[in-house]
Amino acid sequence: MDNMSYKAKKCGVRFEPPAIILVYEKDEEKSRQRIMPVRNFSKFSDCSRAAEQLKNNPRHRQYLQGVSLKQLEKLYKLLKGHLKGESLNVSLDIIRREETVDPEEDLNKLDDKELAKKKSIMDELFEKNRKKKDDPDFEYNVEVDFPQDRMVESCGWDDESEDGF
């Protein structure tokens, strides 16, 4: 492996013939493009496994260091949707729904795998929105007054029990 540094700028998918396309800069030079053909992939393939294989492929590893596994997985999901005959908008809507958590959804009814996926989405969103000490707009002690324009709902679980606890 050479000592060149590759900085990923954009990453996308091409449907015909199937390929992952990376636009990158090599040692702060002008932008270049790398086309990574997608082989042995069908509408039945596992997108996360395909993304891992591409990212760990010795021919592409150094170029894909700046591309997250999650982004590669999304590109494979778009390709899979295309192979199933879905339009790009339908595939994007499905991916968007899979990667968001509905606040009205009862997470107690999910199986362990789905629950872990939802928790991962919430953790990622938390980290994305979290203010760190090094951030320019970080405030240590933030106080917020919430409007009291409606009645506060009470819950049975927070009432005192008969035992007085």
N, C-alpha and C. Protein backbone atom coordinates (compact mmCIF):
# COMPACT_ATOMS: atom_id res chain seq x y z
N MET A 1 0.85 -1.19 0.00
CA MET A 1 0.00 0.00 0.00
C MET A 1 0.89 1.24 0.00
N ASP A 2 0.54 2.19 -0.83
CA ASP A 2 1.34 3.41 -0.87
C ASP A 2 0.93 4.37 0.24
N ASN A 3 1.70 5.42 0.40
CA ASN A 3 1.46 6.37 1.49
C ASN A 3 0.59 7.54 1.05
N MET A 4 -0.13 7.39 -0.04
CA MET A 4 -1.00 8.45 -0.53
C MET A 4 -2.22 8.53 0.37
N SER A 5 -2.76 9.74 0.48
CA SER A 5 -3.99 9.89 1.26
C SER A 5 -5.14 10.17 0.31
N TYR A 6 -6.22 9.44 0.51
CA TYR A 6 -7.41 9.58 -0.33
C TYR A 6 -8.52 10.16 0.53
N LYS A 7 -9.15 11.21 0.03
CA LYS A 7 -10.23 11.85 0.77
C LYS A 7 -11.51 11.72 -0.05
N ALA A 8 -12.46 10.93 0.46
CA ALA A 8 -13.74 10.73 -0.24
C ALA A 8 -14.54 12.02 -0.24
N LYS A 9 -15.07 12.38 -1.40
CA LYS A 9 -15.89 13.59 -1.53
C LYS A 9 -17.36 13.23 -1.73
N LYS A 10 -17.64 12.28 -2.64
CA LYS A 10 -19.00 11.85 -2.93
C LYS A 10 -18.97 10.36 -3.22
N CYS A 11 -20.07 9.71 -2.91
CA CYS A 11 -20.19 8.29 -3.19
C CYS A 11 -21.60 8.05 -3.70
N GLY A 12 -21.72 7.29 -4.79
CA GLY A 12 -23.03 7.05 -5.37
C GLY A 12 -23.12 5.67 -6.00
N VAL A 13 -24.26 5.41 -6.59
CA VAL A 13 -24.49 4.11 -7.22
C VAL A 13 -24.90 4.33 -8.68
N ARG A 14 -24.44 3.43 -9.55
CA ARG A 14 -24.85 3.41 -10.95
C ARG A 14 -25.62 2.11 -11.15
N PHE A 15 -26.77 2.18 -11.80
CA PHE A 15 -27.61 1.00 -11.96
C PHE A 15 -27.23 0.13 -13.15
N GLU A 16 -26.84 0.75 -14.28
CA GLU A 16 -26.52 -0.01 -15.48
C GLU A 16 -25.17 0.39 -16.04
N PRO A 17 -24.20 -0.48 -16.11
CA PRO A 17 -24.07 -1.71 -15.35
C PRO A 17 -23.84 -1.36 -13.87
N PRO A 18 -24.25 -2.24 -12.95
CA PRO A 18 -24.19 -1.91 -11.52
C PRO A 18 -22.77 -1.63 -11.02
N ALA A 19 -22.64 -0.49 -10.31
CA ALA A 19 -21.34 -0.11 -9.78
C ALA A 19 -21.51 0.91 -8.66
N ILE A 20 -20.55 0.93 -7.75
CA ILE A 20 -20.45 1.98 -6.74
C ILE A 20 -19.41 2.96 -7.28
N ILE A 21 -19.75 4.24 -7.27
CA ILE A 21 -18.84 5.25 -7.82
C ILE A 21 -18.41 6.17 -6.70
N LEU A 22 -17.10 6.38 -6.61
CA LEU A 22 -16.52 7.24 -5.58
C LEU A 22 -15.79 8.40 -6.24
N VAL A 23 -16.11 9.61 -5.81
CA VAL A 23 -15.36 10.79 -6.22
C VAL A 23 -14.47 11.14 -5.03
N TYR A 24 -13.17 11.26 -5.29
CA TYR A 24 -12.22 11.47 -4.20
C TYR A 24 -11.11 12.40 -4.63
N GLU A 25 -10.36 12.90 -3.64
CA GLU A 25 -9.15 13.68 -3.89
C GLU A 25 -7.97 12.87 -3.43
N LYS A 26 -6.90 12.92 -4.21
CA LYS A 26 -5.68 12.19 -3.87
C LYS A 26 -4.61 13.23 -3.55
N ASP A 27 -4.16 13.23 -2.30
CA ASP A 27 -3.13 14.17 -1.85
C ASP A 27 -3.44 15.62 -2.21
N GLU A 28 -4.68 16.04 -1.94
CA GLU A 28 -5.12 17.43 -2.15
C GLU A 28 -5.04 17.87 -3.61
N GLU A 29 -4.99 16.92 -4.54
CA GLU A 29 -5.00 17.26 -5.96
C GLU A 29 -6.44 17.41 -6.43
N LYS A 30 -6.61 17.47 -7.75
CA LYS A 30 -7.97 17.60 -8.29
C LYS A 30 -8.76 16.32 -8.05
N SER A 31 -10.07 16.43 -8.18
CA SER A 31 -10.96 15.29 -7.93
C SER A 31 -10.77 14.20 -8.98
N ARG A 32 -10.88 12.98 -8.51
CA ARG A 32 -10.81 11.81 -9.39
C ARG A 32 -12.03 10.95 -9.13
N GLN A 33 -12.25 10.00 -10.03
CA GLN A 33 -13.41 9.13 -9.89
C GLN A 33 -12.95 7.67 -9.94
N ARG A 34 -13.50 6.85 -9.05
CA ARG A 34 -13.20 5.42 -9.03
C ARG A 34 -14.51 4.67 -9.18
N ILE A 35 -14.56 3.78 -10.16
CA ILE A 35 -15.75 2.98 -10.41
C ILE A 35 -15.47 1.56 -9.92
N MET A 36 -16.29 1.10 -8.97
CA MET A 36 -16.13 -0.24 -8.39
C MET A 36 -17.30 -1.09 -8.84
N PRO A 37 -17.11 -1.97 -9.82
CA PRO A 37 -18.22 -2.78 -10.34
C PRO A 37 -18.83 -3.66 -9.25
N VAL A 38 -20.14 -3.81 -9.30
CA VAL A 38 -20.85 -4.67 -8.36
C VAL A 38 -21.13 -5.98 -9.10
N ARG A 39 -20.53 -7.05 -8.59
CA ARG A 39 -20.71 -8.37 -9.20
C ARG A 39 -21.39 -9.31 -8.21
N ASN A 40 -22.05 -10.31 -8.75
CA ASN A 40 -22.70 -11.35 -7.93
C ASN A 40 -23.65 -10.76 -6.89
N PHE A 41 -24.42 -9.76 -7.28
CA PHE A 41 -25.38 -9.13 -6.38
C PHE A 41 -26.75 -9.24 -7.04
N SER A 42 -27.75 -9.68 -6.26
CA SER A 42 -29.10 -9.82 -6.80
C SER A 42 -30.11 -9.19 -5.84
N LYS A 43 -31.37 -9.26 -6.22
CA LYS A 43 -32.42 -8.70 -5.36
C LYS A 43 -32.61 -9.50 -4.09
N PHE A 44 -31.90 -10.63 -3.96
CA PHE A 44 -31.97 -11.46 -2.76
C PHE A 44 -30.73 -11.31 -1.89
N SER A 45 -29.76 -10.52 -2.32
CA SER A 45 -28.49 -10.39 -1.60
C SER A 45 -28.64 -9.61 -0.30
N ASP A 46 -27.70 -9.84 0.61
CA ASP A 46 -27.65 -9.13 1.90
C ASP A 46 -26.83 -7.85 1.70
N CYS A 47 -27.49 -6.71 1.86
CA CYS A 47 -26.84 -5.41 1.59
C CYS A 47 -25.72 -5.12 2.58
N SER A 48 -25.90 -5.44 3.86
CA SER A 48 -24.86 -5.13 4.84
C SER A 48 -23.63 -6.00 4.59
N ARG A 49 -23.82 -7.24 4.20
CA ARG A 49 -22.69 -8.13 3.91
C ARG A 49 -21.94 -7.65 2.66
N ALA A 50 -22.69 -7.24 1.63
CA ALA A 50 -22.07 -6.74 0.40
C ALA A 50 -21.26 -5.48 0.68
N ALA A 51 -21.80 -4.60 1.55
CA ALA A 51 -21.09 -3.36 1.90
C ALA A 51 -19.79 -3.67 2.64
N GLU A 52 -19.85 -4.62 3.57
CA GLU A 52 -18.64 -5.02 4.31
C GLU A 52 -17.59 -5.60 3.37
N GLN A 53 -18.02 -6.45 2.44
CA GLN A 53 -17.08 -7.06 1.51
C GLN A 53 -16.40 -6.01 0.64
N LEU A 54 -17.16 -5.02 0.18
CA LEU A 54 -16.57 -3.96 -0.64
C LEU A 54 -15.59 -3.13 0.17
N LYS A 55 -16.00 -2.76 1.38
CA LYS A 55 -15.14 -1.92 2.22
C LYS A 55 -13.85 -2.64 2.60
N ASN A 56 -13.90 -3.96 2.76
CA ASN A 56 -12.72 -4.72 3.15
C ASN A 56 -11.94 -5.29 1.96
N ASN A 57 -12.41 -5.03 0.75
CA ASN A 57 -11.72 -5.51 -0.45
C ASN A 57 -10.36 -4.81 -0.56
N PRO A 58 -9.28 -5.58 -0.65
CA PRO A 58 -7.93 -4.97 -0.70
C PRO A 58 -7.75 -3.97 -1.85
N ARG A 59 -8.47 -4.15 -2.96
CA ARG A 59 -8.34 -3.23 -4.10
C ARG A 59 -8.97 -1.87 -3.83
N HIS A 60 -9.98 -1.83 -2.93
CA HIS A 60 -10.73 -0.59 -2.72
C HIS A 60 -10.59 -0.03 -1.31
N ARG A 61 -10.02 -0.79 -0.40
CA ARG A 61 -9.98 -0.42 1.02
C ARG A 61 -9.45 0.99 1.27
N GLN A 62 -8.32 1.33 0.66
CA GLN A 62 -7.70 2.63 0.93
C GLN A 62 -8.56 3.79 0.41
N TYR A 63 -9.32 3.56 -0.63
CA TYR A 63 -10.18 4.61 -1.18
C TYR A 63 -11.44 4.81 -0.34
N LEU A 64 -11.91 3.73 0.29
CA LEU A 64 -13.18 3.77 1.01
C LEU A 64 -13.03 4.04 2.50
N GLN A 65 -11.85 4.41 2.96
CA GLN A 65 -11.65 4.68 4.39
C GLN A 65 -12.56 5.80 4.88
N GLY A 66 -12.82 6.79 4.07
CA GLY A 66 -13.64 7.92 4.49
C GLY A 66 -15.13 7.73 4.24
N VAL A 67 -15.53 6.55 3.78
CA VAL A 67 -16.94 6.27 3.50
C VAL A 67 -17.45 5.30 4.57
N SER A 68 -18.54 5.66 5.21
CA SER A 68 -19.07 4.80 6.28
C SER A 68 -19.71 3.55 5.70
N LEU A 69 -19.69 2.51 6.50
CA LEU A 69 -20.31 1.25 6.13
C LEU A 69 -21.81 1.45 5.91
N LYS A 70 -22.40 2.31 6.71
CA LYS A 70 -23.83 2.60 6.61
C LYS A 70 -24.18 3.24 5.26
N GLN A 71 -23.30 4.13 4.77
CA GLN A 71 -23.55 4.78 3.49
C GLN A 71 -23.45 3.76 2.35
N LEU A 72 -22.46 2.88 2.42
CA LEU A 72 -22.33 1.84 1.41
C LEU A 72 -23.54 0.92 1.42
N GLU A 73 -24.02 0.60 2.61
CA GLU A 73 -25.20 -0.25 2.74
C GLU A 73 -26.42 0.41 2.09
N LYS A 74 -26.57 1.72 2.26
CA LYS A 74 -27.68 2.45 1.63
C LYS A 74 -27.59 2.35 0.11
N LEU A 75 -26.37 2.47 -0.43
CA LEU A 75 -26.20 2.39 -1.88
C LEU A 75 -26.59 1.00 -2.39
N TYR A 76 -26.22 -0.02 -1.65
CA TYR A 76 -26.60 -1.38 -2.03
C TYR A 76 -28.12 -1.56 -1.92
N LYS A 77 -28.76 -0.93 -0.95
CA LYS A 77 -30.22 -1.02 -0.83
C LYS A 77 -30.89 -0.36 -2.03
N LEU A 78 -30.33 0.76 -2.50
CA LEU A 78 -30.87 1.42 -3.69
C LEU A 78 -30.74 0.50 -4.90
N LEU A 79 -29.59 -0.14 -5.03
CA LEU A 79 -29.37 -1.07 -6.14
C LEU A 79 -30.32 -2.26 -6.05
N LYS A 80 -30.51 -2.77 -4.85
CA LYS A 80 -31.41 -3.90 -4.63
C LYS A 80 -32.84 -3.51 -5.02
N GLY A 81 -33.26 -2.31 -4.62
CA GLY A 81 -34.59 -1.82 -4.99
C GLY A 81 -34.74 -1.72 -6.50
N HIS A 82 -33.69 -1.26 -7.17
CA HIS A 82 -33.72 -1.17 -8.64
C HIS A 82 -33.88 -2.55 -9.26
N LEU A 83 -33.15 -3.53 -8.71
CA LEU A 83 -33.24 -4.90 -9.22
C LEU A 83 -34.62 -5.51 -8.99
N LYS A 84 -35.32 -5.03 -7.95
CA LYS A 84 -36.68 -5.51 -7.67
C LYS A 84 -37.72 -4.80 -8.54
N GLY A 85 -37.28 -3.76 -9.26
CA GLY A 85 -38.20 -3.02 -10.11
C GLY A 85 -38.80 -1.79 -9.46
N GLU A 86 -38.28 -1.40 -8.29
CA GLU A 86 -38.79 -0.21 -7.60
C GLU A 86 -38.20 1.04 -8.23
N SER A 87 -38.95 2.13 -8.19
CA SER A 87 -38.41 3.40 -8.66
C SER A 87 -37.44 3.94 -7.61
N LEU A 88 -36.63 4.88 -8.00
CA LEU A 88 -35.66 5.47 -7.08
C LEU A 88 -36.36 6.12 -5.90
N ASN A 89 -37.46 6.83 -6.15
CA ASN A 89 -38.19 7.50 -5.07
C ASN A 89 -38.78 6.50 -4.07
N VAL A 90 -39.29 5.39 -4.57
CA VAL A 90 -39.85 4.37 -3.68
C VAL A 90 -38.74 3.78 -2.82
N SER A 91 -37.60 3.47 -3.44
CA SER A 91 -36.46 2.91 -2.68
C SER A 91 -35.98 3.89 -1.62
N LEU A 92 -35.88 5.17 -1.98
CA LEU A 92 -35.44 6.19 -1.01
C LEU A 92 -36.43 6.31 0.14
N ASP A 93 -37.74 6.23 -0.15
CA ASP A 93 -38.76 6.30 0.92
C ASP A 93 -38.64 5.10 1.85
N ILE A 94 -38.41 3.92 1.30
CA ILE A 94 -38.27 2.72 2.13
C ILE A 94 -37.06 2.85 3.04
N ILE A 95 -35.94 3.31 2.50
CA ILE A 95 -34.72 3.49 3.29
C ILE A 95 -34.95 4.53 4.38
N ARG A 96 -35.61 5.63 4.02
CA ARG A 96 -35.88 6.69 4.99
C ARG A 96 -36.74 6.17 6.14
N ARG A 97 -37.76 5.35 5.83
CA ARG A 97 -38.62 4.79 6.88
C ARG A 97 -37.86 3.81 7.76
N GLU A 98 -36.95 3.03 7.16
CA GLU A 98 -36.16 2.06 7.93
C GLU A 98 -35.20 2.75 8.88
N GLU A 99 -34.80 3.96 8.54
CA GLU A 99 -33.77 4.64 9.32
C GLU A 99 -34.31 5.73 10.23
N THR A 100 -35.61 5.74 10.44
CA THR A 100 -36.20 6.70 11.38
C THR A 100 -37.00 5.93 12.41
N VAL A 101 -37.20 6.56 13.55
CA VAL A 101 -37.99 5.96 14.61
C VAL A 101 -39.26 6.77 14.77
N ASP A 102 -40.39 6.12 14.61
CA ASP A 102 -41.69 6.77 14.78
C ASP A 102 -41.94 6.93 16.28
N PRO A 103 -42.13 8.16 16.76
CA PRO A 103 -42.34 8.35 18.20
C PRO A 103 -43.60 7.67 18.72
N GLU A 104 -44.54 7.35 17.84
CA GLU A 104 -45.78 6.70 18.26
C GLU A 104 -45.67 5.17 18.24
N GLU A 105 -44.55 4.64 17.71
CA GLU A 105 -44.39 3.19 17.60
C GLU A 105 -44.11 2.58 18.97
N ASP A 106 -44.75 1.46 19.26
CA ASP A 106 -44.54 0.76 20.53
C ASP A 106 -43.34 -0.17 20.38
N LEU A 107 -42.19 0.25 20.92
CA LEU A 107 -40.97 -0.52 20.79
C LEU A 107 -41.00 -1.80 21.60
N ASN A 108 -41.94 -1.92 22.54
CA ASN A 108 -42.07 -3.15 23.34
C ASN A 108 -42.56 -4.32 22.49
N LYS A 109 -43.16 -4.03 21.35
CA LYS A 109 -43.70 -5.10 20.50
C LYS A 109 -42.70 -5.62 19.48
N LEU A 110 -41.49 -5.04 19.45
CA LEU A 110 -40.49 -5.44 18.46
C LEU A 110 -39.68 -6.63 18.96
N ASP A 111 -39.16 -7.42 18.02
CA ASP A 111 -38.25 -8.50 18.42
C ASP A 111 -36.87 -7.90 18.71
N ASP A 112 -35.97 -8.71 19.24
CA ASP A 112 -34.67 -8.21 19.69
C ASP A 112 -33.87 -7.57 18.56
N LYS A 113 -33.93 -8.16 17.37
CA LYS A 113 -33.15 -7.64 16.24
C LYS A 113 -33.66 -6.25 15.82
N GLU A 114 -34.98 -6.13 15.68
CA GLU A 114 -35.57 -4.85 15.29
C GLU A 114 -35.35 -3.78 16.37
N LEU A 115 -35.46 -4.18 17.64
CA LEU A 115 -35.24 -3.25 18.74
C LEU A 115 -33.80 -2.74 18.73
N ALA A 116 -32.85 -3.64 18.50
CA ALA A 116 -31.44 -3.23 18.44
C ALA A 116 -31.21 -2.26 17.29
N LYS A 117 -31.90 -2.47 16.17
CA LYS A 117 -31.77 -1.58 15.01
C LYS A 117 -32.31 -0.19 15.36
N LYS A 118 -33.48 -0.14 16.01
CA LYS A 118 -34.08 1.15 16.40
C LYS A 118 -33.19 1.88 17.41
N LYS A 119 -32.63 1.13 18.37
CA LYS A 119 -31.74 1.75 19.36
C LYS A 119 -30.50 2.31 18.69
N SER A 120 -29.98 1.60 17.72
CA SER A 120 -28.81 2.07 16.98
C SER A 120 -29.12 3.38 16.25
N ILE A 121 -30.31 3.46 15.65
CA ILE A 121 -30.74 4.68 14.96
C ILE A 121 -30.84 5.84 15.96
N MET A 122 -31.42 5.57 17.14
CA MET A 122 -31.56 6.62 18.15
C MET A 122 -30.19 7.06 18.68
N ASP A 123 -29.27 6.10 18.88
CA ASP A 123 -27.92 6.44 19.35
C ASP A 123 -27.20 7.31 18.33
N GLU A 124 -27.34 6.96 17.05
CA GLU A 124 -26.68 7.73 16.00
C GLU A 124 -27.23 9.15 15.93
N LEU A 125 -28.55 9.29 16.05
CA LEU A 125 -29.18 10.61 16.03
C LEU A 125 -28.74 11.42 17.25
N PHE A 126 -28.65 10.77 18.41
CA PHE A 126 -28.20 11.45 19.62
C PHE A 126 -26.77 11.98 19.43
N GLU A 127 -25.89 11.15 18.94
CA GLU A 127 -24.48 11.56 18.74
C GLU A 127 -24.38 12.69 17.73
N LYS A 128 -25.22 12.64 16.70
CA LYS A 128 -25.21 13.68 15.67
C LYS A 128 -25.63 15.04 16.24
N ASN A 129 -26.61 15.02 17.15
CA ASN A 129 -27.16 16.27 17.70
C ASN A 129 -26.50 16.71 19.00
N ARG A 130 -25.69 15.86 19.58
CA ARG A 130 -25.09 16.16 20.88
C ARG A 130 -24.09 17.32 20.78
N LYS A 131 -24.16 18.19 21.75
CA LYS A 131 -23.21 19.30 21.83
C LYS A 131 -22.04 18.86 22.70
N LYS A 132 -20.85 19.00 22.17
CA LYS A 132 -19.64 18.62 22.91
C LYS A 132 -18.96 19.87 23.45
N LYS A 133 -18.11 19.68 24.44
CA LYS A 133 -17.42 20.82 25.06
C LYS A 133 -16.64 21.65 24.05
N ASP A 134 -16.16 21.01 23.00
CA ASP A 134 -15.33 21.71 22.01
C ASP A 134 -16.15 22.47 20.97
N ASP A 135 -17.47 22.25 20.93
CA ASP A 135 -18.32 22.93 19.96
C ASP A 135 -18.39 24.42 20.28
N PRO A 136 -18.40 25.28 19.25
CA PRO A 136 -18.43 26.73 19.50
C PRO A 136 -19.69 27.21 20.19
N ASP A 137 -20.83 26.54 19.98
CA ASP A 137 -22.08 26.98 20.61
C ASP A 137 -22.44 26.15 21.83
N PHE A 138 -21.45 25.52 22.46
CA PHE A 138 -21.68 24.71 23.65
C PHE A 138 -21.98 25.61 24.85
N GLU A 139 -23.03 25.25 25.61
CA GLU A 139 -23.35 25.93 26.86
C GLU A 139 -23.39 24.88 27.95
N TYR A 140 -22.79 25.18 29.09
CA TYR A 140 -22.71 24.20 30.16
C TYR A 140 -24.06 23.97 30.84
N ASN A 141 -24.71 25.02 31.25
CA ASN A 141 -25.95 24.88 32.02
C ASN A 141 -27.08 25.58 31.26
N VAL A 142 -27.90 24.79 30.60
CA VAL A 142 -29.00 25.35 29.81
C VAL A 142 -30.30 25.13 30.57
N GLU A 143 -31.04 26.21 30.78
CA GLU A 143 -32.34 26.12 31.44
C GLU A 143 -33.41 26.50 30.43
N VAL A 144 -34.46 25.69 30.38
CA VAL A 144 -35.54 25.92 29.42
C VAL A 144 -36.86 25.91 30.18
N ASP A 145 -37.68 26.92 29.94
CA ASP A 145 -39.03 26.96 30.49
C ASP A 145 -39.99 26.47 29.42
N PHE A 146 -40.72 25.41 29.72
CA PHE A 146 -41.67 24.87 28.77
C PHE A 146 -43.03 25.52 28.99
N PRO A 147 -43.71 25.88 27.91
CA PRO A 147 -45.02 26.54 28.06
C PRO A 147 -46.03 25.61 28.72
N GLN A 148 -46.85 26.20 29.59
CA GLN A 148 -47.87 25.44 30.31
C GLN A 148 -49.25 25.80 29.77
N ASP A 149 -49.41 25.76 28.44
CA ASP A 149 -50.67 26.18 27.85
C ASP A 149 -51.71 25.06 27.85
N ARG A 150 -51.35 23.88 28.32
CA ARG A 150 -52.34 22.81 28.40
C ARG A 150 -52.15 22.06 29.71
N MET A 151 -53.14 21.24 30.03
CA MET A 151 -53.09 20.47 31.27
C MET A 151 -51.96 19.45 31.22
N VAL A 152 -51.31 19.27 32.35
CA VAL A 152 -50.27 18.26 32.46
C VAL A 152 -50.94 16.92 32.74
N GLU A 153 -50.61 15.93 31.91
CA GLU A 153 -51.20 14.60 32.10
C GLU A 153 -50.49 13.90 33.23
N SER A 154 -51.25 13.20 34.04
CA SER A 154 -50.63 12.42 35.10
C SER A 154 -50.65 10.95 34.72
N CYS A 155 -49.69 10.22 35.23
CA CYS A 155 -49.59 8.79 34.96
C CYS A 155 -49.81 8.05 36.26
N GLY A 156 -50.43 6.90 36.16
CA GLY A 156 -50.70 6.10 37.35
C GLY A 156 -49.44 5.58 38.00
N TRP A 157 -48.40 5.36 37.24
CA TRP A 157 -47.20 4.74 37.80
C TRP A 157 -46.43 5.67 38.72
N ASP A 158 -46.64 6.99 38.59
CA ASP A 158 -45.87 7.89 39.45
C ASP A 158 -46.67 8.37 40.66
N ASP A 159 -47.89 7.86 40.84
CA ASP A 159 -48.67 8.18 42.03
C ASP A 159 -48.14 7.38 43.21
N GLU A 160 -48.35 7.90 44.39
CA GLU A 160 -47.93 7.17 45.59
C GLU A 160 -48.75 5.91 45.73
N SER A 161 -48.10 4.85 46.17
CA SER A 161 -48.82 3.60 46.37
C SER A 161 -49.50 3.60 47.74
N GLU A 162 -50.27 2.58 48.00
CA GLU A 162 -50.97 2.50 49.27
C GLU A 162 -50.01 2.35 50.44
N ASP A 163 -48.83 1.79 50.17
CA ASP A 163 -47.84 1.57 51.22
C ASP A 163 -47.14 2.88 51.61
N GLY A 164 -47.33 3.93 50.83
CA GLY A 164 -46.72 5.21 51.15
C GLY A 164 -45.31 5.37 50.64
N PHE A 165 -44.90 4.54 49.71
CA PHE A 165 -43.53 4.66 49.17
C PHE A 165 -43.45 5.65 48.06
